[in-house]
C-alpha cells in the first residue's frame, strides 16, 4: 500500500510503498477514504523539538480519518465488513484506575495513532475494534475525517455550562473555530474569538462568532465595552498556546469564571496567580476527547443542525500532500483533507 512515512530524522515526509498492516483478533482493518491534517502532523513534518523527543522513524503518521472496514479479527462482533467508520486515535490500557472508572481519556498509558504507532496517512489502517466509531448516515463523510479535532473542540467547549454565558476563545485555529459553533449551538450569548491571523478570524465569523478580534489592533477590554459587558467573560476556552493570550484571558474573566485549556503553553509561561486566587477562577486542563462521550455529543450536535463544514477549506489528493502542508503553514487554511480514494 502507499503511505506517508516519516522515514528519517529531519524535515519532511516521504510517500512510500509499505506492507498492508497486520491485525489481531480484536482489531479491524480499515480502507482509508479521507484523512485530515492535524497540527501534530505539521510538528512531525517540521521535525521540531517535540517531534525530536517523541517520534521514532520510520513511522506512518496521521490520526484523523474515515473509511470502510474491509477485514476484522475473529473476536470482533459489533462491526461488519463494509461499515463506514472513523476511530479514536488514543489507545488506552483498559487496566489503570482511570480506565476502570470510565475515565479512559485520562489513561496515563495512552498510545497515540500516528505518533507512537503507525497511523492513518495510508491506504489501510489497523485499529482495535474498541477504538472504532461507526459513522452516522446523517453526518457528511468528510466531517468524520476531522472528528478527532471536532472531539477536542466539543470536550473543551462543553467542559463548563455556556447557556446564556459570554465566552472568550483565544486562538482561531481549526479547533477554536469549531468551538465557536459548538458554544453557539449550546446557547452562549456573546462569543468572542481572538487571533492575529485575519484569514482565520474571517472564517470564525462565518462560523458564528459575535466578534472575531485581531489582538494586534484591538484589546479585549475594549471589546467588552463594545458589547456592553461590565464584569468580564464567564467562560474562557484557551486554544492558542500563547502566553500573552492566556494572561489576557485571565485579566478579562468575571470573578468566579471558568477556563478550559487545550492550548499547550511553553514550560516557563508566567501568570499572575493572585488573579486566579482572588478572582476565584477555575482552570481545567483538556487533553484529547472524553472517550467516547465527546464523539456522541458531536454526532448529536451535527444531526440537530450544527454545521462545521466551512472549517474545511482545502481538499487534495494524497499525492499532493505537500500542497496541503504548505497551505496550513502559510496560515491560509482551516482544515485540510486528503483523499485516499
C-alpha atoms as a PDB file:
ATOM      1  CA  UNK A   1       0.000   0.000   0.000  1.00  0.00           C
ATOM      2  CA  UNK A   2       1.003   3.656  -0.311  1.00  0.00           C
ATOM      3  CA  UNK A   3       1.603   5.643   2.861  1.00  0.00           C
ATOM      4  CA  UNK A   4       3.093   8.919   4.072  1.00  0.00           C
ATOM      5  CA  UNK A   5       6.082   7.950   6.153  1.00  0.00           C
ATOM      6  CA  UNK A   6       8.385   9.852   8.473  1.00  0.00           C
ATOM      7  CA  UNK A   7      11.314   7.788   7.307  1.00  0.00           C
ATOM      8  CA  UNK A   8      14.190   9.867   8.653  1.00  0.00           C
ATOM      9  CA  UNK A   9      15.124  12.256  11.425  1.00  0.00           C
ATOM     10  CA  UNK A  10      14.659  15.591   9.706  1.00  0.00           C
ATOM     11  CA  UNK A  11      12.181  17.800   7.917  1.00  0.00           C
ATOM     12  CA  UNK A  12       9.617  16.378   5.505  1.00  0.00           C
ATOM     13  CA  UNK A  13       7.716  13.185   4.709  1.00  0.00           C
ATOM     14  CA  UNK A  14       8.034  10.514   2.035  1.00  0.00           C
ATOM     15  CA  UNK A  15       5.326   8.785   0.018  1.00  0.00           C
ATOM     16  CA  UNK A  16       6.362   5.140   0.203  1.00  0.00           C
ATOM     17  CA  UNK A  17       5.017   1.716  -0.694  1.00  0.00           C
ATOM     18  CA  UNK A  18       4.863  -0.339   2.518  1.00  0.00           C
ATOM     19  CA  UNK A  19       3.174  -3.587   3.590  1.00  0.00           C
ATOM     20  CA  UNK A  20      -0.539  -3.555   4.461  1.00  0.00           C
ATOM     21  CA  UNK A  21      -0.659  -3.710   8.279  1.00  0.00           C
ATOM     22  CA  UNK A  22      -1.421  -6.970  10.030  1.00  0.00           C
ATOM     23  CA  UNK A  23      -4.118  -7.079  12.683  1.00  0.00           C
ATOM     24  CA  UNK A  24      -5.149  -9.190  15.663  1.00  0.00           C
ATOM     25  CA  UNK A  25      -8.304 -10.978  16.726  1.00  0.00           C
ATOM     26  CA  UNK A  26      -9.660  -7.828  18.432  1.00  0.00           C
ATOM     27  CA  UNK A  27      -8.819  -5.444  15.570  1.00  0.00           C
ATOM     28  CA  UNK A  28     -10.295  -4.223  12.307  1.00  0.00           C
ATOM     29  CA  UNK A  29      -8.630  -3.338   9.013  1.00  0.00           C
ATOM     30  CA  UNK A  30      -9.936  -0.090   7.506  1.00  0.00           C
ATOM     31  CA  UNK A  31      -9.640   1.023   3.884  1.00  0.00           C
ATOM     32  CA  UNK A  32      -8.995   4.729   4.335  1.00  0.00           C
ATOM     33  CA  UNK A  33     -11.092   7.167   2.287  1.00  0.00           C
ATOM     34  CA  UNK A  34     -10.106  10.568   3.660  1.00  0.00           C
ATOM     35  CA  UNK A  35      -7.750  11.983   6.277  1.00  0.00           C
ATOM     36  CA  UNK A  36      -7.371  15.349   7.973  1.00  0.00           C
ATOM     37  CA  UNK A  37      -4.021  17.038   8.507  1.00  0.00           C
ATOM     38  CA  UNK A  38      -3.525  17.959  12.180  1.00  0.00           C
ATOM     39  CA  UNK A  39      -1.162  20.409  13.831  1.00  0.00           C
ATOM     40  CA  UNK A  40       0.580  17.365  15.294  1.00  0.00           C
ATOM     41  CA  UNK A  41       1.325  16.180  11.762  1.00  0.00           C
ATOM     42  CA  UNK A  42       2.828  19.585  10.973  1.00  0.00           C
ATOM     43  CA  UNK A  43       5.091  19.309  14.039  1.00  0.00           C
ATOM     44  CA  UNK A  44       6.267  15.910  12.790  1.00  0.00           C
ATOM     45  CA  UNK A  45       6.737  17.222   9.250  1.00  0.00           C
ATOM     46  CA  UNK A  46       8.827  20.151  10.543  1.00  0.00           C
ATOM     47  CA  UNK A  47      10.789  17.912  12.941  1.00  0.00           C
ATOM     48  CA  UNK A  48      10.591  20.431  15.776  1.00  0.00           C
ATOM     49  CA  UNK A  49      11.831  19.885  19.328  1.00  0.00           C
ATOM     50  CA  UNK A  50       8.688  18.000  20.346  1.00  0.00           C
ATOM     51  CA  UNK A  51       8.966  15.657  17.349  1.00  0.00           C
ATOM     52  CA  UNK A  52      12.643  15.027  18.060  1.00  0.00           C
ATOM     53  CA  UNK A  53      11.759  13.888  21.582  1.00  0.00           C
ATOM     54  CA  UNK A  54       8.711  11.760  20.731  1.00  0.00           C
ATOM     55  CA  UNK A  55       8.826  10.385  17.175  1.00  0.00           C
ATOM     56  CA  UNK A  56      10.801   7.265  16.275  1.00  0.00           C
ATOM     57  CA  UNK A  57      11.206   6.894  12.478  1.00  0.00           C
ATOM     58  CA  UNK A  58      10.186   5.087  10.403  1.00  0.00           C
ATOM     59  CA  UNK A  59       6.551   5.885  11.196  1.00  0.00           C
ATOM     60  CA  UNK A  60       3.347   6.257   9.178  1.00  0.00           C
ATOM     61  CA  UNK A  61       1.818   9.446  10.563  1.00  0.00           C
ATOM     62  CA  UNK A  62      -1.778  10.728  10.718  1.00  0.00           C
ATOM     63  CA  UNK A  63      -4.680  10.061  13.055  1.00  0.00           C
ATOM     64  CA  UNK A  64      -7.756  11.829  11.587  1.00  0.00           C
ATOM     65  CA  UNK A  65      -9.581   9.516   9.167  1.00  0.00           C
ATOM     66  CA  UNK A  66     -12.738   7.985   7.773  1.00  0.00           C
ATOM     67  CA  UNK A  67     -13.008   4.750   5.816  1.00  0.00           C
ATOM     68  CA  UNK A  68     -14.646   1.339   5.491  1.00  0.00           C
ATOM     69  CA  UNK A  69     -13.934  -1.900   7.329  1.00  0.00           C
ATOM     70  CA  UNK A  70     -12.559  -4.454   4.843  1.00  0.00           C
ATOM     71  CA  UNK A  71     -11.458  -7.149   7.295  1.00  0.00           C
ATOM     72  CA  UNK A  72     -11.676  -7.902  11.006  1.00  0.00           C
ATOM     73  CA  UNK A  73     -10.445 -10.198  13.747  1.00  0.00           C
ATOM     74  CA  UNK A  74     -12.413 -13.225  14.908  1.00  0.00           C
ATOM     75  CA  UNK A  75     -13.402 -11.583  18.217  1.00  0.00           C
ATOM     76  CA  UNK A  76     -14.970  -8.526  16.558  1.00  0.00           C
ATOM     77  CA  UNK A  77     -18.760  -8.851  16.686  1.00  0.00           C
ATOM     78  CA  UNK A  78     -20.018  -5.245  16.818  1.00  0.00           C
ATOM     79  CA  UNK A  79     -18.883  -4.351  13.307  1.00  0.00           C
ATOM     80  CA  UNK A  80     -19.253  -5.932   9.899  1.00  0.00           C
ATOM     81  CA  UNK A  81     -17.345  -5.724   6.642  1.00  0.00           C
ATOM     82  CA  UNK A  82     -18.391  -2.602   4.767  1.00  0.00           C
ATOM     83  CA  UNK A  83     -19.219  -0.470   7.822  1.00  0.00           C
ATOM     84  CA  UNK A  84     -18.286   3.187   7.382  1.00  0.00           C
ATOM     85  CA  UNK A  85     -16.135   4.127  10.386  1.00  0.00           C
ATOM     86  CA  UNK A  86     -13.828   6.630  11.955  1.00  0.00           C
ATOM     87  CA  UNK A  87     -11.742   5.967  15.045  1.00  0.00           C
ATOM     88  CA  UNK A  88     -10.403   7.320  18.320  1.00  0.00           C
ATOM     89  CA  UNK A  89      -6.648   7.784  17.978  1.00  0.00           C
ATOM     90  CA  UNK A  90      -5.891   7.339  21.690  1.00  0.00           C
ATOM     91  CA  UNK A  91      -5.404   3.667  22.520  1.00  0.00           C
ATOM     92  CA  UNK A  92      -5.647   3.147  26.273  1.00  0.00           C
ATOM     93  CA  UNK A  93      -4.570   0.357  28.594  1.00  0.00           C
ATOM     94  CA  UNK A  94      -8.010  -0.571  29.967  1.00  0.00           C
ATOM     95  CA  UNK A  95      -6.478  -1.590  33.322  1.00  0.00           C
ATOM     96  CA  UNK A  96      -5.446   1.574  35.183  1.00  0.00           C
ATOM     97  CA  UNK A  97      -7.632   3.294  37.765  1.00  0.00           C
ATOM     98  CA  UNK A  98      -8.931   5.877  35.292  1.00  0.00           C
ATOM     99  CA  UNK A  99      -9.787   3.306  32.614  1.00  0.00           C
ATOM    100  CA  UNK A 100     -11.581   1.069  35.104  1.00  0.00           C
ATOM    101  CA  UNK A 101     -13.520   4.070  36.435  1.00  0.00           C
ATOM    102  CA  UNK A 102     -14.740   5.075  32.965  1.00  0.00           C
ATOM    103  CA  UNK A 103     -12.235   7.914  32.613  1.00  0.00           C
ATOM    104  CA  UNK A 104     -10.173   6.363  29.842  1.00  0.00           C
ATOM    105  CA  UNK A 105      -9.379   9.771  28.315  1.00  0.00           C
ATOM    106  CA  UNK A 106      -7.127  10.259  31.366  1.00  0.00           C
ATOM    107  CA  UNK A 107      -5.242   6.974  30.935  1.00  0.00           C
ATOM    108  CA  UNK A 108      -1.526   7.546  31.697  1.00  0.00           C
ATOM    109  CA  UNK A 109      -0.540   4.692  29.368  1.00  0.00           C
ATOM    110  CA  UNK A 110      -2.176   6.175  26.264  1.00  0.00           C
ATOM    111  CA  UNK A 111      -0.598   5.220  22.926  1.00  0.00           C
ATOM    112  CA  UNK A 112      -1.377   7.604  20.069  1.00  0.00           C
ATOM    113  CA  UNK A 113      -2.061   6.513  16.495  1.00  0.00           C
ATOM    114  CA  UNK A 114       0.302   8.244  14.088  1.00  0.00           C
ATOM    115  CA  UNK A 115       2.615   9.259  16.927  1.00  0.00           C
ATOM    116  CA  UNK A 116       3.549   6.146  18.929  1.00  0.00           C
ATOM    117  CA  UNK A 117       2.340   3.594  16.365  1.00  0.00           C
ATOM    118  CA  UNK A 118       1.650   3.600  12.626  1.00  0.00           C
ATOM    119  CA  UNK A 119      -1.164   5.893  11.630  1.00  0.00           C
ATOM    120  CA  UNK A 120      -3.850   6.729   9.101  1.00  0.00           C
ATOM    121  CA  UNK A 121      -1.996   8.506   6.285  1.00  0.00           C
ATOM    122  CA  UNK A 122      -2.100   5.305   4.276  1.00  0.00           C
ATOM    123  CA  UNK A 123      -4.426   3.256   2.135  1.00  0.00           C
ATOM    124  CA  UNK A 124      -5.102   0.899   5.068  1.00  0.00           C
ATOM    125  CA  UNK A 125      -5.133   1.262   8.855  1.00  0.00           C
ATOM    126  CA  UNK A 126      -5.344  -1.432  11.542  1.00  0.00           C
ATOM    127  CA  UNK A 127      -7.090  -0.365  14.747  1.00  0.00           C
ATOM    128  CA  UNK A 128      -8.500  -2.041  17.881  1.00  0.00           C
ATOM    129  CA  UNK A 129     -12.260  -2.514  17.491  1.00  0.00           C
ATOM    130  CA  UNK A 130     -12.772  -0.765  20.845  1.00  0.00           C
ATOM    131  CA  UNK A 131     -11.454   2.418  19.211  1.00  0.00           C
ATOM    132  CA  UNK A 132     -13.740   2.265  16.182  1.00  0.00           C
ATOM    133  CA  UNK A 133     -16.665   4.689  15.795  1.00  0.00           C
ATOM    134  CA  UNK A 134     -19.490   3.763  13.435  1.00  0.00           C
ATOM    135  CA  UNK A 135     -20.442   6.708  11.225  1.00  0.00           C
ATOM    136  CA  UNK A 136     -23.955   8.117  11.148  1.00  0.00           C
ATOM    137  CA  UNK A 137     -25.513   8.396   7.688  1.00  0.00           C
ATOM    138  CA  UNK A 138     -26.787  11.830   8.779  1.00  0.00           C
ATOM    139  CA  UNK A 139     -23.252  13.231   9.097  1.00  0.00           C
ATOM    140  CA  UNK A 140     -21.292  14.105   5.921  1.00  0.00           C
ATOM    141  CA  UNK A 141     -18.496  11.629   5.336  1.00  0.00           C
ATOM    142  CA  UNK A 142     -15.684  14.186   5.189  1.00  0.00           C
ATOM    143  CA  UNK A 143     -16.722  15.553   8.584  1.00  0.00           C
ATOM    144  CA  UNK A 144     -15.751  12.187  10.040  1.00  0.00           C
ATOM    145  CA  UNK A 145     -12.286  12.727   8.564  1.00  0.00           C
ATOM    146  CA  UNK A 146     -11.914  15.547  11.124  1.00  0.00           C
ATOM    147  CA  UNK A 147     -13.884  14.035  14.013  1.00  0.00           C
ATOM    148  CA  UNK A 148     -10.716  13.859  16.124  1.00  0.00           C
ATOM    149  CA  UNK A 149     -10.227  17.656  16.386  1.00  0.00           C
ATOM    150  CA  UNK A 150     -14.002  18.172  16.485  1.00  0.00           C
ATOM    151  CA  UNK A 151     -13.989  15.926  19.556  1.00  0.00           C
ATOM    152  CA  UNK A 152     -11.292  18.124  21.104  1.00  0.00           C
ATOM    153  CA  UNK A 153     -13.442  21.178  20.431  1.00  0.00           C
ATOM    154  CA  UNK A 154     -16.553  19.546  21.913  1.00  0.00           C
ATOM    155  CA  UNK A 155     -14.680  18.358  25.010  1.00  0.00           C
ATOM    156  CA  UNK A 156     -13.228  21.825  25.622  1.00  0.00           C
ATOM    157  CA  UNK A 157     -16.287  23.892  24.701  1.00  0.00           C
ATOM    158  CA  UNK A 158     -18.711  21.867  26.820  1.00  0.00           C
ATOM    159  CA  UNK A 159     -16.478  21.470  29.875  1.00  0.00           C
ATOM    160  CA  UNK A 160     -18.472  24.227  31.559  1.00  0.00           C
ATOM    161  CA  UNK A 161     -22.062  25.457  31.273  1.00  0.00           C
ATOM    162  CA  UNK A 162     -22.289  28.017  28.457  1.00  0.00           C
ATOM    163  CA  UNK A 163     -26.059  28.567  28.182  1.00  0.00           C
ATOM    164  CA  UNK A 164     -26.593  32.334  28.343  1.00  0.00           C
ATOM    165  CA  UNK A 165     -22.909  32.940  29.094  1.00  0.00           C
ATOM    166  CA  UNK A 166     -20.306  35.194  27.461  1.00  0.00           C
ATOM    167  CA  UNK A 167     -17.463  33.091  26.050  1.00  0.00           C
ATOM    168  CA  UNK A 168     -13.930  34.141  25.122  1.00  0.00           C
ATOM    169  CA  UNK A 169     -11.929  31.859  22.816  1.00  0.00           C
ATOM    170  CA  UNK A 170      -8.221  32.571  22.369  1.00  0.00           C
ATOM    171  CA  UNK A 171      -6.769  31.058  19.201  1.00  0.00           C
ATOM    172  CA  UNK A 172      -8.593  30.830  15.862  1.00  0.00           C
ATOM    173  CA  UNK A 173      -7.070  27.581  14.729  1.00  0.00           C
ATOM    174  CA  UNK A 174      -9.479  24.937  13.406  1.00  0.00           C
ATOM    175  CA  UNK A 175     -10.375  23.701  16.898  1.00  0.00           C
ATOM    176  CA  UNK A 176     -11.027  27.213  18.193  1.00  0.00           C
ATOM    177  CA  UNK A 177     -13.139  27.973  15.122  1.00  0.00           C
ATOM    178  CA  UNK A 178     -15.192  24.804  15.595  1.00  0.00           C
ATOM    179  CA  UNK A 179     -15.662  25.706  19.260  1.00  0.00           C
ATOM    180  CA  UNK A 180     -17.395  28.926  18.152  1.00  0.00           C
ATOM    181  CA  UNK A 181     -20.190  26.960  16.519  1.00  0.00           C
ATOM    182  CA  UNK A 182     -20.413  24.476  19.395  1.00  0.00           C
ATOM    183  CA  UNK A 183     -20.920  27.088  22.121  1.00  0.00           C
ATOM    184  CA  UNK A 184     -23.373  28.906  19.856  1.00  0.00           C
ATOM    185  CA  UNK A 185     -25.358  25.683  19.486  1.00  0.00           C
ATOM    186  CA  UNK A 186     -25.184  25.226  23.266  1.00  0.00           C
ATOM    187  CA  UNK A 187     -26.745  28.633  23.909  1.00  0.00           C
ATOM    188  CA  UNK A 188     -23.898  31.074  24.574  1.00  0.00           C
ATOM    189  CA  UNK A 189     -24.736  34.791  24.335  1.00  0.00           C
ATOM    190  CA  UNK A 190     -21.596  36.622  23.141  1.00  0.00           C
ATOM    191  CA  UNK A 191     -18.819  34.524  21.575  1.00  0.00           C
ATOM    192  CA  UNK A 192     -15.568  36.428  21.057  1.00  0.00           C
ATOM    193  CA  UNK A 193     -12.552  34.786  19.416  1.00  0.00           C
ATOM    194  CA  UNK A 194      -9.066  36.304  19.204  1.00  0.00           C
ATOM    195  CA  UNK A 195      -6.043  35.705  16.994  1.00  0.00           C
ATOM    196  CA  UNK A 196      -3.546  37.606  14.832  1.00  0.00           C
ATOM    197  CA  UNK A 197      -4.470  35.827  11.575  1.00  0.00           C
ATOM    198  CA  UNK A 198      -7.158  37.712   9.653  1.00  0.00           C
ATOM    199  CA  UNK A 199      -7.892  34.766   7.329  1.00  0.00           C
ATOM    200  CA  UNK A 200      -8.822  32.526  10.223  1.00  0.00           C
ATOM    201  CA  UNK A 201     -10.683  35.290  12.033  1.00  0.00           C
ATOM    202  CA  UNK A 202     -12.904  35.761   8.963  1.00  0.00           C
ATOM    203  CA  UNK A 203     -13.513  32.014   8.965  1.00  0.00           C
ATOM    204  CA  UNK A 204     -14.530  32.241  12.629  1.00  0.00           C
ATOM    205  CA  UNK A 205     -17.042  34.953  11.712  1.00  0.00           C
ATOM    206  CA  UNK A 206     -18.592  32.560   9.177  1.00  0.00           C
ATOM    207  CA  UNK A 207     -18.914  30.026  11.971  1.00  0.00           C
ATOM    208  CA  UNK A 208     -20.944  32.414  14.133  1.00  0.00           C
ATOM    209  CA  UNK A 209     -18.552  34.482  16.264  1.00  0.00           C
ATOM    210  CA  UNK A 210     -20.103  37.631  17.700  1.00  0.00           C
ATOM    211  CA  UNK A 211     -16.743  39.325  17.200  1.00  0.00           C
ATOM    212  CA  UNK A 212     -13.502  37.993  15.729  1.00  0.00           C
ATOM    213  CA  UNK A 213     -10.756  40.196  17.142  1.00  0.00           C
ATOM    214  CA  UNK A 214      -7.233  40.715  15.870  1.00  0.00           C
ATOM    215  CA  UNK A 215      -5.368  41.480  19.096  1.00  0.00           C
ATOM    216  CA  UNK A 216      -2.680  43.343  17.151  1.00  0.00           C
ATOM    217  CA  UNK A 217      -5.301  46.046  16.594  1.00  0.00           C
ATOM    218  CA  UNK A 218      -7.783  45.790  19.453  1.00  0.00           C
ATOM    219  CA  UNK A 219      -7.720  44.954  23.151  1.00  0.00           C
ATOM    220  CA  UNK A 220     -10.130  42.544  24.795  1.00  0.00           C
ATOM    221  CA  UNK A 221     -11.199  45.048  27.463  1.00  0.00           C
ATOM    222  CA  UNK A 222     -12.266  47.406  24.652  1.00  0.00           C
ATOM    223  CA  UNK A 223     -14.293  44.570  23.132  1.00  0.00           C
ATOM    224  CA  UNK A 224     -16.151  44.142  26.422  1.00  0.00           C
ATOM    225  CA  UNK A 225     -17.190  47.790  26.328  1.00  0.00           C
ATOM    226  CA  UNK A 226     -18.283  47.463  22.703  1.00  0.00           C
ATOM    227  CA  UNK A 227     -20.570  44.559  23.667  1.00  0.00           C
ATOM    228  CA  UNK A 228     -21.940  46.287  26.766  1.00  0.00           C
ATOM    229  CA  UNK A 229     -20.284  43.820  29.131  1.00  0.00           C
ATOM    230  CA  UNK A 230     -19.478  45.023  32.633  1.00  0.00           C
ATOM    231  CA  UNK A 231     -17.938  42.190  34.662  1.00  0.00           C
ATOM    232  CA  UNK A 232     -15.915  40.045  32.265  1.00  0.00           C
ATOM    233  CA  UNK A 233     -16.282  36.764  30.377  1.00  0.00           C
ATOM    234  CA  UNK A 234     -17.955  33.867  32.128  1.00  0.00           C
ATOM    235  CA  UNK A 235     -16.159  31.070  30.282  1.00  0.00           C
ATOM    236  CA  UNK A 236     -12.754  31.051  28.575  1.00  0.00           C
ATOM    237  CA  UNK A 237     -11.517  28.493  26.062  1.00  0.00           C
ATOM    238  CA  UNK A 238      -7.749  28.789  25.676  1.00  0.00           C
ATOM    239  CA  UNK A 239      -6.820  27.230  22.315  1.00  0.00           C
ATOM    240  CA  UNK A 240      -3.745  29.225  21.306  1.00  0.00           C
ATOM    241  CA  UNK A 241      -0.893  28.012  23.497  1.00  0.00           C
ATOM    242  CA  UNK A 242       0.228  31.641  23.575  1.00  0.00           C
ATOM    243  CA  UNK A 243       1.314  33.019  26.989  1.00  0.00           C
ATOM    244  CA  UNK A 244       0.112  36.550  26.239  1.00  0.00           C
ATOM    245  CA  UNK A 245      -3.288  35.242  25.159  1.00  0.00           C
ATOM    246  CA  UNK A 246      -3.608  33.272  28.395  1.00  0.00           C
ATOM    247  CA  UNK A 247      -2.717  36.298  30.501  1.00  0.00           C
ATOM    248  CA  UNK A 248      -5.216  38.464  28.592  1.00  0.00           C
ATOM    249  CA  UNK A 249      -7.901  35.858  29.119  1.00  0.00           C
ATOM    250  CA  UNK A 250      -7.274  35.703  32.866  1.00  0.00           C
ATOM    251  CA  UNK A 251      -7.362  39.514  33.073  1.00  0.00           C
ATOM    252  CA  UNK A 252     -10.759  39.640  31.357  1.00  0.00           C
ATOM    253  CA  UNK A 253     -12.628  36.920  33.253  1.00  0.00           C
ATOM    254  CA  UNK A 254     -15.563  37.567  35.579  1.00  0.00           C
ATOM    255  CA  UNK A 255     -14.945  36.730  39.235  1.00  0.00           C
ATOM    256  CA  UNK A 256     -15.707  33.040  39.571  1.00  0.00           C
ATOM    257  CA  UNK A 257     -15.121  32.499  35.868  1.00  0.00           C
ATOM    258  CA  UNK A 258     -14.041  29.178  34.365  1.00  0.00           C
ATOM    259  CA  UNK A 259     -11.239  28.483  31.883  1.00  0.00           C
ATOM    260  CA  UNK A 260     -10.744  25.295  29.852  1.00  0.00           C
ATOM    261  CA  UNK A 261      -7.202  24.999  28.493  1.00  0.00           C
ATOM    262  CA  UNK A 262      -6.484  22.946  25.380  1.00  0.00           C
ATOM    263  CA  UNK A 263      -3.562  25.015  24.074  1.00  0.00           C
ATOM    264  CA  UNK A 264      -0.131  23.780  25.142  1.00  0.00           C
ATOM    265  CA  UNK A 265       1.777  26.566  26.847  1.00  0.00           C
ATOM    266  CA  UNK A 266       5.587  26.916  26.921  1.00  0.00           C
ATOM    267  CA  UNK A 267       7.011  25.380  30.089  1.00  0.00           C
ATOM    268  CA  UNK A 268       8.051  28.745  31.541  1.00  0.00           C
ATOM    269  CA  UNK A 269       4.782  30.609  30.928  1.00  0.00           C
ATOM    270  CA  UNK A 270       4.218  33.057  33.766  1.00  0.00           C
ATOM    271  CA  UNK A 271       0.843  34.268  35.025  1.00  0.00           C
ATOM    272  CA  UNK A 272      -0.314  36.385  37.964  1.00  0.00           C
ATOM    273  CA  UNK A 273      -1.563  33.701  40.349  1.00  0.00           C
ATOM    274  CA  UNK A 274      -3.160  36.343  42.563  1.00  0.00           C
ATOM    275  CA  UNK A 275      -5.709  36.900  39.783  1.00  0.00           C
ATOM    276  CA  UNK A 276      -6.585  33.206  39.949  1.00  0.00           C
ATOM    277  CA  UNK A 277      -6.887  33.132  43.727  1.00  0.00           C
ATOM    278  CA  UNK A 278      -8.640  36.456  44.371  1.00  0.00           C
ATOM    279  CA  UNK A 279     -10.783  36.092  41.254  1.00  0.00           C
ATOM    280  CA  UNK A 280     -11.921  32.625  42.283  1.00  0.00           C
ATOM    281  CA  UNK A 281     -11.139  31.273  38.829  1.00  0.00           C
ATOM    282  CA  UNK A 282     -11.356  27.601  37.863  1.00  0.00           C
ATOM    283  CA  UNK A 283      -8.817  26.278  35.329  1.00  0.00           C
ATOM    284  CA  UNK A 284      -9.288  22.861  33.744  1.00  0.00           C
ATOM    285  CA  UNK A 285      -6.692  21.163  31.542  1.00  0.00           C
ATOM    286  CA  UNK A 286      -8.009  19.343  28.456  1.00  0.00           C
ATOM    287  CA  UNK A 287      -6.283  16.511  26.608  1.00  0.00           C
ATOM    288  CA  UNK A 288      -7.994  14.846  23.670  1.00  0.00           C
ATOM    289  CA  UNK A 289     -11.592  13.771  23.876  1.00  0.00           C
ATOM    290  CA  UNK A 290     -13.816  12.477  26.657  1.00  0.00           C
ATOM    291  CA  UNK A 291     -13.970   8.926  25.323  1.00  0.00           C
ATOM    292  CA  UNK A 292     -16.485   8.414  23.824  1.00  0.00           C
ATOM    293  CA  UNK A 293     -18.948  10.969  25.081  1.00  0.00           C
ATOM    294  CA  UNK A 294     -17.385  13.824  23.087  1.00  0.00           C
ATOM    295  CA  UNK A 295     -17.962  11.952  19.814  1.00  0.00           C
ATOM    296  CA  UNK A 296     -21.524  11.085  20.798  1.00  0.00           C
ATOM    297  CA  UNK A 297     -22.234  14.749  21.522  1.00  0.00           C
ATOM    298  CA  UNK A 298     -20.523  15.816  18.278  1.00  0.00           C
ATOM    299  CA  UNK A 299     -22.740  13.434  16.317  1.00  0.00           C
ATOM    300  CA  UNK A 300     -25.910  14.640  18.028  1.00  0.00           C
ATOM    301  CA  UNK A 301     -24.960  18.304  17.536  1.00  0.00           C
ATOM    302  CA  UNK A 302     -24.485  17.783  13.801  1.00  0.00           C
ATOM    303  CA  UNK A 303     -27.634  15.695  13.452  1.00  0.00           C
ATOM    304  CA  UNK A 304     -29.558  18.502  15.175  1.00  0.00           C
ATOM    305  CA  UNK A 305     -28.329  21.130  12.723  1.00  0.00           C
ATOM    306  CA  UNK A 306     -24.803  22.246  13.663  1.00  0.00           C
ATOM    307  CA  UNK A 307     -22.742  22.882  10.524  1.00  0.00           C
ATOM    308  CA  UNK A 308     -18.946  22.821  10.780  1.00  0.00           C
ATOM    309  CA  UNK A 309     -18.339  22.226   7.059  1.00  0.00           C
ATOM    310  CA  UNK A 310     -16.952  25.763   6.417  1.00  0.00           C
ATOM    311  CA  UNK A 311     -13.912  24.879   8.536  1.00  0.00           C
ATOM    312  CA  UNK A 312     -12.756  22.512   5.748  1.00  0.00           C
ATOM    313  CA  UNK A 313     -11.152  24.940   3.322  1.00  0.00           C
ATOM    314  CA  UNK A 314      -8.822  22.736   1.248  1.00  0.00           C
ATOM    315  CA  UNK A 315      -9.057  19.275  -0.293  1.00  0.00           C
ATOM    316  CA  UNK A 316      -6.207  17.455  -2.045  1.00  0.00           C
ATOM    317  CA  UNK A 317      -5.431  14.008  -3.369  1.00  0.00           C
ATOM    318  CA  UNK A 318      -2.934  12.324  -1.026  1.00  0.00           C
ATOM    319  CA  UNK A 319      -0.221  12.551  -3.690  1.00  0.00           C
ATOM    320  CA  UNK A 320      -0.482  16.366  -3.316  1.00  0.00           C
ATOM    321  CA  UNK A 321       0.192  16.241   0.430  1.00  0.00           C
ATOM    322  CA  UNK A 322       2.940  18.862   0.145  1.00  0.00           C
ATOM    323  CA  UNK A 323       0.337  21.400  -1.026  1.00  0.00           C
ATOM    324  CA  UNK A 324      -1.809  20.595   1.987  1.00  0.00           C
ATOM    325  CA  UNK A 325       1.003  21.132   4.457  1.00  0.00           C
ATOM    326  CA  UNK A 326       2.044  24.319   2.651  1.00  0.00           C
ATOM    327  CA  UNK A 327      -1.485  25.783   2.933  1.00  0.00           C
ATOM    328  CA  UNK A 328      -1.528  25.170   6.686  1.00  0.00           C
ATOM    329  CA  UNK A 329       1.962  26.529   7.246  1.00  0.00           C
ATOM    330  CA  UNK A 330       1.093  29.671   5.262  1.00  0.00           C
ATOM    331  CA  UNK A 331      -1.785  30.370   7.657  1.00  0.00           C
ATOM    332  CA  UNK A 332      -4.279  30.412   4.795  1.00  0.00           C
ATOM    333  CA  UNK A 333      -6.308  27.324   5.643  1.00  0.00           C
ATOM    334  CA  UNK A 334      -8.775  25.894   8.104  1.00  0.00           C
ATOM    335  CA  UNK A 335      -8.832  22.116   7.991  1.00  0.00           C
ATOM    336  CA  UNK A 336      -7.136  20.360   5.066  1.00  0.00           C
ATOM    337  CA  UNK A 337      -8.481  16.979   3.948  1.00  0.00           C
ATOM    338  CA  UNK A 338      -6.547  14.441   1.865  1.00  0.00           C
ATOM    339  CA  UNK A 339      -8.410  11.940  -0.301  1.00  0.00           C
ATOM    340  CA  UNK A 340      -7.140   8.338  -0.462  1.00  0.00           C
ATOM    341  CA  UNK A 341      -9.968   7.045  -2.674  1.00  0.00           C
END
